Protein backbone atom coordinates (compact mmCIF):
# COMPACT_ATOMS: atom_id res chain seq x y z
CA ASP A 1 98.98 100.17 81.95
CA VAL A 2 98.25 99.93 85.61
CA GLN A 3 101.22 100.08 88.00
CA LEU A 4 101.38 99.14 91.67
CA ALA A 5 103.77 100.06 94.48
CA GLU A 6 103.79 98.61 97.98
CA SER A 7 104.90 100.32 101.18
CA GLY A 8 104.56 99.97 104.93
CA GLY A 9 106.63 96.92 105.68
CA GLY A 10 109.34 96.76 108.32
CA PRO A 11 110.48 95.01 111.48
CA VAL A 12 107.93 94.33 114.22
CA ARG A 13 107.73 92.23 117.37
CA ALA A 14 105.41 89.25 117.58
CA GLY A 15 101.90 90.37 118.45
CA GLY A 16 102.45 93.74 116.81
CA SER A 17 100.74 95.37 113.85
CA LEU A 18 101.60 96.86 110.50
CA THR A 19 99.58 98.51 107.76
CA LEU A 20 100.75 97.75 104.23
CA SER A 21 99.62 100.04 101.45
CA CYS A 22 99.38 99.35 97.72
CA ALA A 23 99.33 102.50 95.62
CA VAL A 24 97.60 101.84 92.31
CA SER A 25 98.14 104.07 89.30
CA GLY A 26 96.16 103.63 86.11
CA TYR A 27 92.74 102.10 85.64
CA THR A 28 93.22 99.84 82.64
CA TYR A 29 95.60 97.26 81.28
CA ARG A 30 96.11 95.55 77.96
CA ARG A 31 96.01 91.77 77.65
CA ASN A 32 95.78 89.62 74.52
CA GLY A 33 95.13 92.65 72.36
CA ARG A 34 92.22 93.95 74.45
CA ARG A 35 92.04 96.63 77.08
CA TYR A 36 90.46 95.82 80.43
CA ARG A 37 89.55 97.90 83.43
CA ARG A 38 91.24 96.77 86.62
CA ASN A 39 88.96 95.54 89.38
CA CYS A 40 90.43 92.96 91.70
CA ILE A 41 93.57 93.75 93.71
CA GLY A 42 95.27 91.05 95.73
CA TRP A 43 97.98 90.82 98.35
CA PHE A 44 100.41 87.92 98.26
CA ARG A 45 103.45 86.98 100.27
CA GLN A 46 106.55 84.99 99.54
CA VAL A 47 109.36 83.54 101.57
CA SER A 48 112.61 82.88 99.77
CA GLY A 49 112.59 79.40 98.28
CA LYS A 50 108.82 78.99 98.61
CA GLU A 51 105.91 79.67 96.29
CA ARG A 52 104.03 82.94 96.44
CA GLU A 53 100.83 82.49 98.46
CA GLY A 54 97.67 84.53 98.44
CA VAL A 55 96.84 86.54 101.55
CA ALA A 56 93.70 88.51 100.67
CA SER A 57 91.99 90.11 97.69
CA ILE A 58 89.27 92.70 97.20
CA TRP A 59 87.00 93.67 94.32
CA THR A 60 83.78 95.49 93.53
CA ARG A 61 81.18 93.96 91.22
CA ASP A 62 77.73 95.36 90.50
CA GLY A 63 78.16 97.89 93.30
CA THR A 64 79.05 95.28 95.94
CA THR A 65 82.52 94.98 97.43
CA ASP A 66 83.71 91.50 98.34
CA SER A 67 86.92 90.09 99.66
CA TYR A 68 88.72 86.82 100.05
CA TYR A 69 90.99 85.83 102.92
CA ALA A 70 93.36 82.91 103.16
CA ASP A 71 92.72 80.75 106.21
CA PHE A 72 95.87 81.96 107.96
CA SER A 73 94.82 85.60 107.58
CA LYS A 74 91.22 85.34 108.74
CA GLY A 75 90.65 87.20 112.00
CA ARG A 76 94.08 88.85 111.93
CA PHE A 77 94.37 90.68 108.60
CA VAL A 78 91.95 93.10 106.98
CA ILE A 79 92.02 94.28 103.37
CA SER A 80 90.41 97.56 102.40
CA GLN A 81 90.34 99.91 99.42
CA ASP A 82 90.17 103.67 99.21
CA SER A 83 88.90 104.64 95.78
CA ALA A 84 89.63 108.33 96.33
CA LYS A 85 93.29 107.63 97.13
CA ASN A 86 93.61 104.67 94.75
CA THR A 87 95.10 102.53 97.46
CA VAL A 88 94.45 99.03 98.76
CA ASP A 89 95.61 98.57 102.33
CA LEU A 90 96.33 95.38 104.24
CA GLN A 91 96.10 95.75 108.02
CA LEU A 92 98.18 93.10 109.76
CA ASP A 93 97.40 92.48 113.43
CA GLY A 94 98.59 89.79 115.82
CA LEU A 95 101.68 89.21 113.73
CA LYS A 96 103.62 85.98 114.18
CA PRO A 97 107.20 85.15 113.17
CA GLU A 98 105.80 82.88 110.45
CA ASP A 99 104.20 85.95 108.84
CA SER A 100 107.68 87.19 107.93
CA ALA A 101 107.85 87.44 104.15
CA MET A 102 107.99 89.80 101.21
CA TYR A 103 104.49 91.09 100.61
CA TYR A 104 103.33 91.98 97.11
CA CYS A 105 100.18 93.43 95.58
CA ALA A 106 98.96 92.70 92.07
CA VAL A 107 96.00 93.11 89.71
CA GLY A 108 93.66 90.20 89.15
CA VAL A 109 93.20 89.53 85.42
CA SER A 110 90.48 86.94 85.98
CA ASP A 111 87.30 87.32 88.00
CA CYS A 112 88.33 87.13 91.65
CA SER A 113 86.73 84.44 93.79
CA LEU A 114 85.33 84.24 97.29
CA ASN A 115 86.87 80.79 97.57
CA TYR A 116 90.48 81.02 96.41
CA MET A 117 93.19 83.18 94.90
CA ALA A 118 96.06 82.00 92.73
CA ALA A 119 99.17 83.91 91.72
CA ALA A 120 98.70 82.76 88.12
CA ASP A 121 95.53 84.89 87.93
CA PHE A 122 97.36 88.10 88.86
CA ARG A 123 99.65 90.42 86.93
CA PHE A 124 101.45 93.77 87.24
CA TRP A 125 103.20 92.95 90.47
CA GLY A 126 104.71 95.66 92.62
CA GLN A 127 108.28 95.50 93.91
CA GLY A 128 107.20 94.18 97.31
CA THR A 129 107.63 95.31 100.89
CA GLN A 130 109.41 93.21 103.51
CA VAL A 131 107.72 92.26 106.77
CA SER A 132 109.99 90.84 109.48
CA VAL A 133 108.42 89.60 112.70
CA SER A 134 110.70 88.77 115.61
CA SER A 135 109.73 86.57 118.53
């Protein structure tokens, strides 16, 4: 089955930038007795004691690549995929202290949407990478 591993987190000052990378191994996964090909990859973040929230997701369907961004990430974060390297990167610019969290990537097991992303629709979570933004 597909496996994901995040990297690139660390401490940064407010206003700074980081590039998170999600290394994806494997192209298929098994669910409910059927094998599916992975398509959508999403980035989430979680602060201790709070629910995991979607940051951005990316997918390719019928030759067209689309992405979703949470309101708080629009204009500051950019998600991209490199098919040759099997990575999905999340560029974080203009970081704020409230962006401090553990960031995770995961595989979407439902069709990804331009309008929302929910943790319940994602599986095969990586171990996470910590982003700490100081003021």
